[in-house]
PDB file of N, CA and C in Angstrom:
ATOM      1  N   UNK A   1      21.154 -19.910 -16.561  1.00  0.00           N
ATOM      2  CA  UNK A   1      20.821 -18.499 -16.710  1.00  0.00           C
ATOM      3  C   UNK A   1      21.800 -17.846 -17.691  1.00  0.00           C
ATOM      4  N   UNK A   2      21.291 -16.989 -18.499  1.00  0.00           N
ATOM      5  CA  UNK A   2      22.081 -16.300 -19.509  1.00  0.00           C
ATOM      6  C   UNK A   2      22.872 -15.157 -18.874  1.00  0.00           C
ATOM      7  N   UNK A   3      24.086 -14.925 -19.381  1.00  0.00           N
ATOM      8  CA  UNK A   3      24.910 -13.830 -18.888  1.00  0.00           C
ATOM      9  C   UNK A   3      24.675 -12.578 -19.724  1.00  0.00           C
ATOM     10  N   UNK A   4      25.179 -11.469 -19.211  1.00  0.00           N
ATOM     11  CA  UNK A   4      25.086 -10.191 -19.938  1.00  0.00           C
ATOM     12  C   UNK A   4      25.735 -10.316 -21.313  1.00  0.00           C
ATOM     13  N   UNK A   5      26.909 -10.932 -21.370  1.00  0.00           N
ATOM     14  CA  UNK A   5      27.612 -11.067 -22.658  1.00  0.00           C
ATOM     15  C   UNK A   5      26.826 -11.920 -23.644  1.00  0.00           C
ATOM     16  N   UNK A   6      26.199 -12.982 -23.159  1.00  0.00           N
ATOM     17  CA  UNK A   6      25.376 -13.815 -24.033  1.00  0.00           C
ATOM     18  C   UNK A   6      24.175 -13.027 -24.556  1.00  0.00           C
ATOM     19  N   UNK A   7      23.603 -12.198 -23.692  1.00  0.00           N
ATOM     20  CA  UNK A   7      22.488 -11.353 -24.134  1.00  0.00           C
ATOM     21  C   UNK A   7      22.934 -10.365 -25.200  1.00  0.00           C
ATOM     22  N   UNK A   8      24.110  -9.788 -25.006  1.00  0.00           N
ATOM     23  CA  UNK A   8      24.623  -8.838 -26.002  1.00  0.00           C
ATOM     24  C   UNK A   8      24.850  -9.523 -27.347  1.00  0.00           C
ATOM     25  N   UNK A   9      25.328 -10.756 -27.320  1.00  0.00           N
ATOM     26  CA  UNK A   9      25.495 -11.508 -28.568  1.00  0.00           C
ATOM     27  C   UNK A   9      24.143 -11.785 -29.217  1.00  0.00           C
ATOM     28  N   UNK A  10      23.148 -12.095 -28.398  1.00  0.00           N
ATOM     29  CA  UNK A  10      21.800 -12.357 -28.918  1.00  0.00           C
ATOM     30  C   UNK A  10      21.198 -11.085 -29.514  1.00  0.00           C
ATOM     31  N   UNK A  11      21.438  -9.947 -28.872  1.00  0.00           N
ATOM     32  CA  UNK A  11      20.941  -8.668 -29.389  1.00  0.00           C
ATOM     33  C   UNK A  11      21.610  -8.344 -30.718  1.00  0.00           C
ATOM     34  N   UNK A  12      22.911  -8.572 -30.792  1.00  0.00           N
ATOM     35  CA  UNK A  12      23.639  -8.322 -32.044  1.00  0.00           C
ATOM     36  C   UNK A  12      23.104  -9.226 -33.156  1.00  0.00           C
ATOM     37  N   UNK A  13      22.825 -10.470 -32.833  1.00  0.00           N
ATOM     38  CA  UNK A  13      22.253 -11.392 -33.824  1.00  0.00           C
ATOM     39  C   UNK A  13      20.873 -10.916 -34.262  1.00  0.00           C
ATOM     40  N   UNK A  14      20.091 -10.378 -33.322  1.00  0.00           N
ATOM     41  CA  UNK A  14      18.770  -9.851 -33.646  1.00  0.00           C
ATOM     42  C   UNK A  14      18.868  -8.770 -34.720  1.00  0.00           C
ATOM     43  N   UNK A  15      19.943  -7.981 -34.657  1.00  0.00           N
ATOM     44  CA  UNK A  15      20.160  -6.908 -35.630  1.00  0.00           C
ATOM     45  C   UNK A  15      21.110  -7.354 -36.739  1.00  0.00           C
ATOM     46  N   UNK A  16      21.096  -8.661 -37.010  1.00  0.00           N
ATOM     47  CA  UNK A  16      21.840  -9.266 -38.121  1.00  0.00           C
ATOM     48  C   UNK A  16      23.320  -8.903 -38.108  1.00  0.00           C
ATOM     49  N   UNK A  17      23.914  -8.887 -36.914  1.00  0.00           N
ATOM     50  CA  UNK A  17      25.338  -8.648 -36.779  1.00  0.00           C
ATOM     51  C   UNK A  17      25.748  -7.188 -36.742  1.00  0.00           C
ATOM     52  N   UNK A  18      24.797  -6.280 -36.858  1.00  0.00           N
ATOM     53  CA  UNK A  18      25.109  -4.846 -36.861  1.00  0.00           C
ATOM     54  C   UNK A  18      25.299  -4.378 -35.411  1.00  0.00           C
ATOM     55  N   UNK A  19      26.570  -4.322 -34.979  1.00  0.00           N
ATOM     56  CA  UNK A  19      26.884  -3.989 -33.593  1.00  0.00           C
ATOM     57  C   UNK A  19      26.462  -2.574 -33.211  1.00  0.00           C
ATOM     58  N   UNK A  20      26.628  -1.619 -34.110  1.00  0.00           N
ATOM     59  CA  UNK A  20      26.270  -0.240 -33.764  1.00  0.00           C
ATOM     60  C   UNK A  20      24.762  -0.095 -33.545  1.00  0.00           C
ATOM     61  N   UNK A  21      23.966  -0.766 -34.363  1.00  0.00           N
ATOM     62  CA  UNK A  21      22.516  -0.731 -34.182  1.00  0.00           C
ATOM     63  C   UNK A  21      22.123  -1.449 -32.893  1.00  0.00           C
ATOM     64  N   UNK A  22      22.780  -2.563 -32.604  1.00  0.00           N
ATOM     65  CA  UNK A  22      22.493  -3.309 -31.377  1.00  0.00           C
ATOM     66  C   UNK A  22      22.816  -2.462 -30.149  1.00  0.00           C
ATOM     67  N   UNK A  23      23.951  -1.792 -30.163  1.00  0.00           N
ATOM     68  CA  UNK A  23      24.327  -0.944 -29.025  1.00  0.00           C
ATOM     69  C   UNK A  23      23.384   0.243 -28.881  1.00  0.00           C
ATOM     70  N   UNK A  24      22.946   0.798 -30.002  1.00  0.00           N
ATOM     71  CA  UNK A  24      21.986   1.903 -29.956  1.00  0.00           C
ATOM     72  C   UNK A  24      20.679   1.427 -29.332  1.00  0.00           C
ATOM     73  N   UNK A  25      20.200   0.245 -29.734  1.00  0.00           N
ATOM     74  CA  UNK A  25      18.980  -0.316 -29.169  1.00  0.00           C
ATOM     75  C   UNK A  25      19.127  -0.507 -27.656  1.00  0.00           C
ATOM     76  N   UNK A  26      20.309  -0.922 -27.218  1.00  0.00           N
ATOM     77  CA  UNK A  26      20.560  -1.146 -25.789  1.00  0.00           C
ATOM     78  C   UNK A  26      20.484   0.147 -24.975  1.00  0.00           C
ATOM     79  N   UNK A  27      20.654   1.286 -25.625  1.00  0.00           N
ATOM     80  CA  UNK A  27      20.644   2.576 -24.927  1.00  0.00           C
ATOM     81  C   UNK A  27      19.307   3.311 -25.021  1.00  0.00           C
ATOM     82  N   UNK A  28      18.332   2.708 -25.710  1.00  0.00           N
ATOM     83  CA  UNK A  28      17.014   3.327 -25.862  1.00  0.00           C
ATOM     84  C   UNK A  28      16.065   2.816 -24.784  1.00  0.00           C
ATOM     85  N   UNK A  29      15.373   3.709 -24.058  1.00  0.00           N
ATOM     86  CA  UNK A  29      14.379   3.253 -23.083  1.00  0.00           C
ATOM     87  C   UNK A  29      13.311   2.404 -23.782  1.00  0.00           C
ATOM     88  N   UNK A  30      12.855   1.375 -23.077  1.00  0.00           N
ATOM     89  CA  UNK A  30      11.898   0.443 -23.660  1.00  0.00           C
ATOM     90  C   UNK A  30      10.683   0.316 -22.756  1.00  0.00           C
ATOM     91  N   UNK A  31       9.513   0.449 -23.337  1.00  0.00           N
ATOM     92  CA  UNK A  31       8.260   0.385 -22.581  1.00  0.00           C
ATOM     93  C   UNK A  31       8.143  -0.926 -21.797  1.00  0.00           C
ATOM     94  N   UNK A  32       8.491  -2.038 -22.428  1.00  0.00           N
ATOM     95  CA  UNK A  32       8.384  -3.346 -21.777  1.00  0.00           C
ATOM     96  C   UNK A  32       9.282  -3.421 -20.542  1.00  0.00           C
ATOM     97  N   UNK A  33      10.370  -2.669 -20.550  1.00  0.00           N
ATOM     98  CA  UNK A  33      11.313  -2.664 -19.423  1.00  0.00           C
ATOM     99  C   UNK A  33      11.025  -1.498 -18.472  1.00  0.00           C
ATOM    100  N   UNK A  34       9.792  -1.033 -18.491  1.00  0.00           N
ATOM    101  CA  UNK A  34       9.348   0.082 -17.648  1.00  0.00           C
ATOM    102  C   UNK A  34      10.179   1.339 -17.911  1.00  0.00           C
ATOM    103  N   UNK A  35      10.406   1.582 -19.197  1.00  0.00           N
ATOM    104  CA  UNK A  35      11.117   2.756 -19.699  1.00  0.00           C
ATOM    105  C   UNK A  35      12.580   2.825 -19.257  1.00  0.00           C
ATOM    106  N   UNK A  36      13.145   1.689 -18.875  1.00  0.00           N
ATOM    107  CA  UNK A  36      14.585   1.622 -18.624  1.00  0.00           C
ATOM    108  C   UNK A  36      15.244   1.104 -19.887  1.00  0.00           C
ATOM    109  N   UNK A  37      16.530   1.331 -20.017  1.00  0.00           N
ATOM    110  CA  UNK A  37      17.238   0.825 -21.186  1.00  0.00           C
ATOM    111  C   UNK A  37      17.650  -0.627 -20.940  1.00  0.00           C
ATOM    112  N   UNK A  38      17.786  -1.409 -22.017  1.00  0.00           N
ATOM    113  CA  UNK A  38      18.292  -2.764 -21.837  1.00  0.00           C
ATOM    114  C   UNK A  38      19.655  -2.777 -21.121  1.00  0.00           C
ATOM    115  N   UNK A  39      20.507  -1.805 -21.413  1.00  0.00           N
ATOM    116  CA  UNK A  39      21.820  -1.747 -20.740  1.00  0.00           C
ATOM    117  C   UNK A  39      21.660  -1.605 -19.234  1.00  0.00           C
ATOM    118  N   UNK A  40      20.748  -0.744 -18.807  1.00  0.00           N
ATOM    119  CA  UNK A  40      20.479  -0.583 -17.376  1.00  0.00           C
ATOM    120  C   UNK A  40      19.996  -1.889 -16.761  1.00  0.00           C
ATOM    121  N   UNK A  41      19.084  -2.536 -17.452  1.00  0.00           N
ATOM    122  CA  UNK A  41      18.474  -3.750 -16.929  1.00  0.00           C
ATOM    123  C   UNK A  41      19.480  -4.887 -16.799  1.00  0.00           C
ATOM    124  N   UNK A  42      20.460  -4.921 -17.686  1.00  0.00           N
ATOM    125  CA  UNK A  42      21.404  -6.032 -17.685  1.00  0.00           C
ATOM    126  C   UNK A  42      22.462  -5.935 -16.589  1.00  0.00           C
ATOM    127  N   UNK A  43      22.280  -5.006 -15.655  1.00  0.00           N
ATOM    128  CA  UNK A  43      23.189  -4.912 -14.510  1.00  0.00           C
ATOM    129  C   UNK A  43      22.857  -5.930 -13.431  1.00  0.00           C
ATOM    130  N   UNK A  44      21.721  -6.615 -13.579  1.00  0.00           N
ATOM    131  CA  UNK A  44      21.343  -7.639 -12.597  1.00  0.00           C
ATOM    132  C   UNK A  44      20.910  -8.909 -13.325  1.00  0.00           C
ATOM    133  N   UNK A  45      20.939 -10.028 -12.616  1.00  0.00           N
ATOM    134  CA  UNK A  45      20.504 -11.290 -13.214  1.00  0.00           C
ATOM    135  C   UNK A  45      19.039 -11.224 -13.639  1.00  0.00           C
ATOM    136  N   UNK A  46      18.207 -10.614 -12.806  1.00  0.00           N
ATOM    137  CA  UNK A  46      16.785 -10.483 -13.136  1.00  0.00           C
ATOM    138  C   UNK A  46      16.608  -9.629 -14.387  1.00  0.00           C
ATOM    139  N   UNK A  47      17.397  -8.564 -14.492  1.00  0.00           N
ATOM    140  CA  UNK A  47      17.320  -7.695 -15.661  1.00  0.00           C
ATOM    141  C   UNK A  47      17.753  -8.405 -16.934  1.00  0.00           C
ATOM    142  N   UNK A  48      18.806  -9.209 -16.834  1.00  0.00           N
ATOM    143  CA  UNK A  48      19.263  -9.986 -18.000  1.00  0.00           C
ATOM    144  C   UNK A  48      18.140 -10.906 -18.456  1.00  0.00           C
ATOM    145  N   UNK A  49      17.462 -11.525 -17.499  1.00  0.00           N
ATOM    146  CA  UNK A  49      16.352 -12.415 -17.826  1.00  0.00           C
ATOM    147  C   UNK A  49      15.229 -11.655 -18.521  1.00  0.00           C
ATOM    148  N   UNK A  50      14.924 -10.446 -18.051  1.00  0.00           N
ATOM    149  CA  UNK A  50      13.863  -9.644 -18.658  1.00  0.00           C
ATOM    150  C   UNK A  50      14.235  -9.228 -20.082  1.00  0.00           C
ATOM    151  N   UNK A  51      15.488  -8.836 -20.296  1.00  0.00           N
ATOM    152  CA  UNK A  51      15.952  -8.449 -21.632  1.00  0.00           C
ATOM    153  C   UNK A  51      15.929  -9.662 -22.559  1.00  0.00           C
ATOM    154  N   UNK A  52      16.356 -10.806 -22.064  1.00  0.00           N
ATOM    155  CA  UNK A  52      16.340 -12.033 -22.861  1.00  0.00           C
ATOM    156  C   UNK A  52      14.921 -12.376 -23.277  1.00  0.00           C
ATOM    157  N   UNK A  53      13.977 -12.243 -22.358  1.00  0.00           N
ATOM    158  CA  UNK A  53      12.575 -12.501 -22.663  1.00  0.00           C
ATOM    159  C   UNK A  53      12.068 -11.531 -23.733  1.00  0.00           C
ATOM    160  N   UNK A  54      12.468 -10.263 -23.626  1.00  0.00           N
ATOM    161  CA  UNK A  54      12.074  -9.259 -24.612  1.00  0.00           C
ATOM    162  C   UNK A  54      12.629  -9.612 -25.988  1.00  0.00           C
ATOM    163  N   UNK A  55      13.875 -10.021 -26.048  1.00  0.00           N
ATOM    164  CA  UNK A  55      14.490 -10.400 -27.323  1.00  0.00           C
ATOM    165  C   UNK A  55      13.723 -11.565 -27.947  1.00  0.00           C
ATOM    166  N   UNK A  56      13.392 -12.556 -27.145  1.00  0.00           N
ATOM    167  CA  UNK A  56      12.638 -13.707 -27.662  1.00  0.00           C
ATOM    168  C   UNK A  56      11.273 -13.287 -28.194  1.00  0.00           C
ATOM    169  N   UNK A  57      10.630 -12.361 -27.497  1.00  0.00           N
ATOM    170  CA  UNK A  57       9.331 -11.871 -27.968  1.00  0.00           C
ATOM    171  C   UNK A  57       9.482 -11.178 -29.310  1.00  0.00           C
ATOM    172  N   UNK A  58      10.520 -10.361 -29.457  1.00  0.00           N
ATOM    173  CA  UNK A  58      10.748  -9.651 -30.722  1.00  0.00           C
ATOM    174  C   UNK A  58      11.018 -10.658 -31.838  1.00  0.00           C
ATOM    175  N   UNK A  59      11.861 -11.653 -31.537  1.00  0.00           N
ATOM    176  CA  UNK A  59      12.189 -12.669 -32.545  1.00  0.00           C
ATOM    177  C   UNK A  59      10.957 -13.442 -33.020  1.00  0.00           C
ATOM    178  N   UNK A  60       9.983 -13.595 -32.131  1.00  0.00           N
ATOM    179  CA  UNK A  60       8.778 -14.351 -32.476  1.00  0.00           C
ATOM    180  C   UNK A  60       7.608 -13.456 -32.900  1.00  0.00           C
ATOM    181  N   UNK A  61       7.890 -12.160 -33.052  1.00  0.00           N
ATOM    182  CA  UNK A  61       6.868 -11.255 -33.563  1.00  0.00           C
ATOM    183  C   UNK A  61       5.822 -10.827 -32.544  1.00  0.00           C
ATOM    184  N   UNK A  62       6.141 -10.951 -31.251  1.00  0.00           N
ATOM    185  CA  UNK A  62       5.212 -10.546 -30.203  1.00  0.00           C
ATOM    186  C   UNK A  62       5.632  -9.164 -29.733  1.00  0.00           C
ATOM    187  N   UNK A  63       4.918  -8.158 -30.203  1.00  0.00           N
ATOM    188  CA  UNK A  63       5.250  -6.776 -29.842  1.00  0.00           C
ATOM    189  C   UNK A  63       4.301  -6.272 -28.785  1.00  0.00           C
ATOM    190  N   UNK A  64       4.834  -5.436 -27.881  1.00  0.00           N
ATOM    191  CA  UNK A  64       3.990  -4.865 -26.825  1.00  0.00           C
ATOM    192  C   UNK A  64       4.081  -3.360 -26.850  1.00  0.00           C
TER     193      UNK A  64
END
Protein backbone atom coordinates (compact mmCIF):
# COMPACT_ATOMS: atom_id res chain seq x y z
CA UNK A 1 0.00 0.00 0.00
CA UNK A 2 1.22 3.47 -0.86
CA UNK A 3 1.89 6.01 1.89
CA UNK A 4 0.81 9.64 2.02
CA UNK A 5 4.38 10.76 1.30
CA UNK A 6 4.63 8.48 -1.73
CA UNK A 7 1.36 9.90 -3.01
CA UNK A 8 2.65 13.44 -2.56
CA UNK A 9 5.75 12.54 -4.58
CA UNK A 10 3.54 11.05 -7.29
CA UNK A 11 1.38 14.20 -7.35
CA UNK A 12 4.48 16.38 -7.64
CA UNK A 13 5.71 14.22 -10.52
CA UNK A 14 2.29 14.58 -12.17
CA UNK A 15 2.87 18.34 -12.17
CA UNK A 16 6.40 17.88 -13.56
CA UNK A 17 8.11 18.68 -10.27
CA UNK A 18 6.19 21.91 -9.61
CA UNK A 19 5.60 21.60 -5.86
CA UNK A 20 3.46 24.73 -5.52
CA UNK A 21 1.07 23.55 -8.24
CA UNK A 22 0.96 20.07 -6.70
CA UNK A 23 0.13 21.48 -3.27
CA UNK A 24 -2.53 23.75 -4.77
CA UNK A 25 -4.11 20.74 -6.50
CA UNK A 26 -4.11 18.89 -3.16
CA UNK A 27 -6.19 21.70 -1.62
CA UNK A 28 -8.83 21.85 -4.38
CA UNK A 29 -12.07 19.86 -3.89
CA UNK A 30 -12.35 17.10 -6.48
CA UNK A 31 -15.55 15.64 -7.89
CA UNK A 32 -14.08 12.12 -8.04
CA UNK A 33 -13.30 12.37 -4.31
CA UNK A 34 -16.89 13.41 -3.55
CA UNK A 35 -15.86 17.08 -3.43
CA UNK A 36 -13.23 16.49 -0.75
CA UNK A 37 -9.67 17.64 -1.25
CA UNK A 38 -6.89 15.14 -1.91
CA UNK A 39 -5.23 16.40 1.31
CA UNK A 40 -8.35 15.52 3.31
CA UNK A 41 -8.58 12.11 1.71
CA UNK A 42 -4.95 11.24 2.41
CA UNK A 43 -5.62 11.20 6.17
CA UNK A 44 -6.62 7.54 5.88
CA UNK A 45 -5.25 4.49 4.08
CA UNK A 46 -8.45 4.21 2.05
CA UNK A 47 -8.18 7.87 1.08
CA UNK A 48 -4.56 7.47 -0.02
CA UNK A 49 -5.69 4.58 -2.21
CA UNK A 50 -8.47 6.70 -3.74
CA UNK A 51 -6.08 9.60 -4.46
CA UNK A 52 -3.53 7.19 -5.96
CA UNK A 53 -6.23 5.76 -8.21
CA UNK A 54 -7.22 9.29 -9.27
CA UNK A 55 -3.61 10.15 -10.11
CA UNK A 56 -3.29 7.02 -12.24
CA UNK A 57 -6.49 7.89 -14.08
CA UNK A 58 -5.19 11.40 -14.81
CA UNK A 59 -1.84 10.01 -15.99
CA UNK A 60 -3.65 7.69 -18.40
CA UNK A 61 -6.03 10.35 -19.69
CA UNK A 62 -9.17 9.01 -17.99
CA UNK A 63 -11.07 12.07 -16.85
CA UNK A 64 -14.32 12.01 -14.90
